[in-house]
Amino acid sequence: MAVKLFILLKMNVFLYLYSANFFRPQHEFISTKTKIWKYENGFGKDFCNWLSNIVSFPFTIKSSNYHRVETKDKFKKTKALIDNIKKFYKKDYEYV
């Protein structure tokens, strides 16, 4: 599967996906003015306070119930695949 992913990245399809931001590294969207909130920090009261301070407006999140949809892995997570992903998104990893 890692070989298939590599081939996909080389194909013209990748150019479309990249320009449409499906695979684009996140560091390309970050500037010196970008505020970053990490997903793993949750979206509770601390997030609301953080965002409220940035936008100078009281921000709240209403709780809602959702059902998580289980999906099967589309790629076998081989060492080669993981290494290729880490290389491609290297700068993204530096931000975390």
C-alpha atoms as a PDB file:
ATOM      1  CA  MET A   1       0.000   0.000   0.000  1.00  0.00           C
ATOM      2  CA  ALA A   2       2.853   2.429   0.691  1.00  0.00           C
ATOM      3  CA  VAL A   3       3.933   2.018  -2.936  1.00  0.00           C
ATOM      4  CA  LYS A   4       0.392   2.802  -4.113  1.00  0.00           C
ATOM      5  CA  LEU A   5       0.323   5.950  -1.972  1.00  0.00           C
ATOM      6  CA  PHE A   6       3.685   7.003  -3.379  1.00  0.00           C
ATOM      7  CA  ILE A   7       2.401   6.518  -6.926  1.00  0.00           C
ATOM      8  CA  LEU A   8      -0.739   8.524  -6.101  1.00  0.00           C
ATOM      9  CA  LEU A   9       1.402  11.364  -4.794  1.00  0.00           C
ATOM     10  CA  LYS A  10       3.313  11.372  -8.065  1.00  0.00           C
ATOM     11  CA  MET A  11       0.230  11.444 -10.289  1.00  0.00           C
ATOM     12  CA  ASN A  12      -1.498  14.525 -11.640  1.00  0.00           C
ATOM     13  CA  VAL A  13      -4.427  13.696  -9.387  1.00  0.00           C
ATOM     14  CA  PHE A  14      -2.209  14.681  -6.494  1.00  0.00           C
ATOM     15  CA  LEU A  15      -1.743  18.146  -7.960  1.00  0.00           C
ATOM     16  CA  TYR A  16      -5.508  18.634  -7.900  1.00  0.00           C
ATOM     17  CA  LEU A  17      -5.899  17.236  -4.402  1.00  0.00           C
ATOM     18  CA  TYR A  18      -3.001  19.341  -3.165  1.00  0.00           C
ATOM     19  CA  SER A  19      -4.403  22.539  -4.637  1.00  0.00           C
ATOM     20  CA  ALA A  20      -7.819  21.650  -3.200  1.00  0.00           C
ATOM     21  CA  ASN A  21      -6.120  21.245   0.216  1.00  0.00           C
ATOM     22  CA  PHE A  22      -6.982  17.585   0.834  1.00  0.00           C
ATOM     23  CA  PHE A  23      -3.366  16.550   1.455  1.00  0.00           C
ATOM     24  CA  ARG A  24      -1.769  19.939   1.834  1.00  0.00           C
ATOM     25  CA  PRO A  25       0.508  20.248   4.881  1.00  0.00           C
ATOM     26  CA  GLN A  26      -1.030  22.425   7.579  1.00  0.00           C
ATOM     27  CA  HIS A  27       2.108  24.511   8.090  1.00  0.00           C
ATOM     28  CA  GLU A  28       1.367  26.137   4.724  1.00  0.00           C
ATOM     29  CA  PHE A  29      -1.707  27.780   6.283  1.00  0.00           C
ATOM     30  CA  ILE A  30       0.153  29.170   9.307  1.00  0.00           C
ATOM     31  CA  SER A  31       1.631  32.648   9.530  1.00  0.00           C
ATOM     32  CA  THR A  32       3.185  34.576  12.397  1.00  0.00           C
ATOM     33  CA  LYS A  33      -0.329  35.897  13.147  1.00  0.00           C
ATOM     34  CA  THR A  34      -2.004  32.475  13.291  1.00  0.00           C
ATOM     35  CA  LYS A  35      -3.462  31.381  16.616  1.00  0.00           C
ATOM     36  CA  ILE A  36      -3.268  27.617  17.210  1.00  0.00           C
ATOM     37  CA  TRP A  37      -5.528  25.580  19.452  1.00  0.00           C
ATOM     38  CA  LYS A  38      -4.672  21.900  19.600  1.00  0.00           C
ATOM     39  CA  TYR A  39      -7.551  19.488  19.102  1.00  0.00           C
ATOM     40  CA  GLU A  40      -6.290  17.292  21.928  1.00  0.00           C
ATOM     41  CA  ASN A  41      -6.844  20.190  24.371  1.00  0.00           C
ATOM     42  CA  GLY A  42     -10.593  19.766  23.881  1.00  0.00           C
ATOM     43  CA  PHE A  43     -13.388  22.196  23.170  1.00  0.00           C
ATOM     44  CA  GLY A  44     -14.640  23.029  26.626  1.00  0.00           C
ATOM     45  CA  LYS A  45     -14.559  26.181  28.734  1.00  0.00           C
ATOM     46  CA  ASP A  46     -10.819  26.801  28.195  1.00  0.00           C
ATOM     47  CA  PHE A  47     -11.316  26.803  24.419  1.00  0.00           C
ATOM     48  CA  CYS A  48     -14.274  29.179  24.685  1.00  0.00           C
ATOM     49  CA  ASN A  49     -12.255  31.580  26.856  1.00  0.00           C
ATOM     50  CA  TRP A  50      -9.272  31.379  24.498  1.00  0.00           C
ATOM     51  CA  LEU A  51     -11.394  32.101  21.418  1.00  0.00           C
ATOM     52  CA  SER A  52     -13.403  34.822  23.187  1.00  0.00           C
ATOM     53  CA  ASN A  53     -10.166  36.660  23.968  1.00  0.00           C
ATOM     54  CA  ILE A  54      -9.062  36.473  20.340  1.00  0.00           C
ATOM     55  CA  VAL A  55     -12.310  37.673  18.764  1.00  0.00           C
ATOM     56  CA  SER A  56     -13.269  40.036  21.622  1.00  0.00           C
ATOM     57  CA  PHE A  57     -16.710  38.474  21.740  1.00  0.00           C
ATOM     58  CA  PRO A  58     -18.183  35.969  24.202  1.00  0.00           C
ATOM     59  CA  PHE A  59     -17.997  32.549  22.598  1.00  0.00           C
ATOM     60  CA  THR A  60     -19.837  29.462  23.812  1.00  0.00           C
ATOM     61  CA  ILE A  61     -20.376  25.968  22.479  1.00  0.00           C
ATOM     62  CA  LYS A  62     -23.699  24.241  22.815  1.00  0.00           C
ATOM     63  CA  SER A  63     -23.408  20.598  23.687  1.00  0.00           C
ATOM     64  CA  SER A  64     -24.773  18.158  21.155  1.00  0.00           C
ATOM     65  CA  ASN A  65     -24.958  14.422  20.885  1.00  0.00           C
ATOM     66  CA  TYR A  66     -23.508  12.660  17.899  1.00  0.00           C
ATOM     67  CA  HIS A  67     -22.889   9.107  16.935  1.00  0.00           C
ATOM     68  CA  ARG A  68     -19.371   8.207  15.985  1.00  0.00           C
ATOM     69  CA  VAL A  69     -19.182   6.302  12.751  1.00  0.00           C
ATOM     70  CA  GLU A  70     -16.626   3.533  12.813  1.00  0.00           C
ATOM     71  CA  THR A  71     -14.546   3.258   9.668  1.00  0.00           C
ATOM     72  CA  LYS A  72     -12.132   0.590   8.595  1.00  0.00           C
ATOM     73  CA  ASP A  73      -8.585   1.561   7.810  1.00  0.00           C
ATOM     74  CA  LYS A  74      -8.138   2.103   4.091  1.00  0.00           C
ATOM     75  CA  PHE A  75      -4.382   1.630   4.264  1.00  0.00           C
ATOM     76  CA  LYS A  76      -2.377  -0.929   6.156  1.00  0.00           C
ATOM     77  CA  LYS A  77      -0.278   1.119   8.575  1.00  0.00           C
ATOM     78  CA  THR A  78       3.124  -0.208   7.632  1.00  0.00           C
ATOM     79  CA  LYS A  79       6.370   1.296   8.839  1.00  0.00           C
ATOM     80  CA  ALA A  80       7.077   2.503   5.282  1.00  0.00           C
ATOM     81  CA  LEU A  81       3.698   4.272   5.060  1.00  0.00           C
ATOM     82  CA  ILE A  82       4.129   5.931   8.449  1.00  0.00           C
ATOM     83  CA  ASP A  83       7.672   7.034   7.527  1.00  0.00           C
ATOM     84  CA  ASN A  84       6.449   8.538   4.222  1.00  0.00           C
ATOM     85  CA  ILE A  85       3.657  10.433   5.975  1.00  0.00           C
ATOM     86  CA  LYS A  86       6.064  11.769   8.599  1.00  0.00           C
ATOM     87  CA  LYS A  87       8.443  12.946   5.858  1.00  0.00           C
ATOM     88  CA  PHE A  88       5.655  14.650   3.893  1.00  0.00           C
ATOM     89  CA  TYR A  89       4.205  16.375   6.979  1.00  0.00           C
ATOM     90  CA  LYS A  90       7.554  16.940   8.730  1.00  0.00           C
ATOM     91  CA  LYS A  91       7.017  20.666   9.313  1.00  0.00           C
ATOM     92  CA  ASP A  92       3.517  20.005  10.651  1.00  0.00           C
ATOM     93  CA  TYR A  93       5.014  17.703  13.293  1.00  0.00           C
ATOM     94  CA  GLU A  94       7.392  20.510  14.293  1.00  0.00           C
ATOM     95  CA  TYR A  95       4.401  22.680  15.293  1.00  0.00           C
ATOM     96  CA  VAL A  96       3.112  20.083  17.744  1.00  0.00           C
END
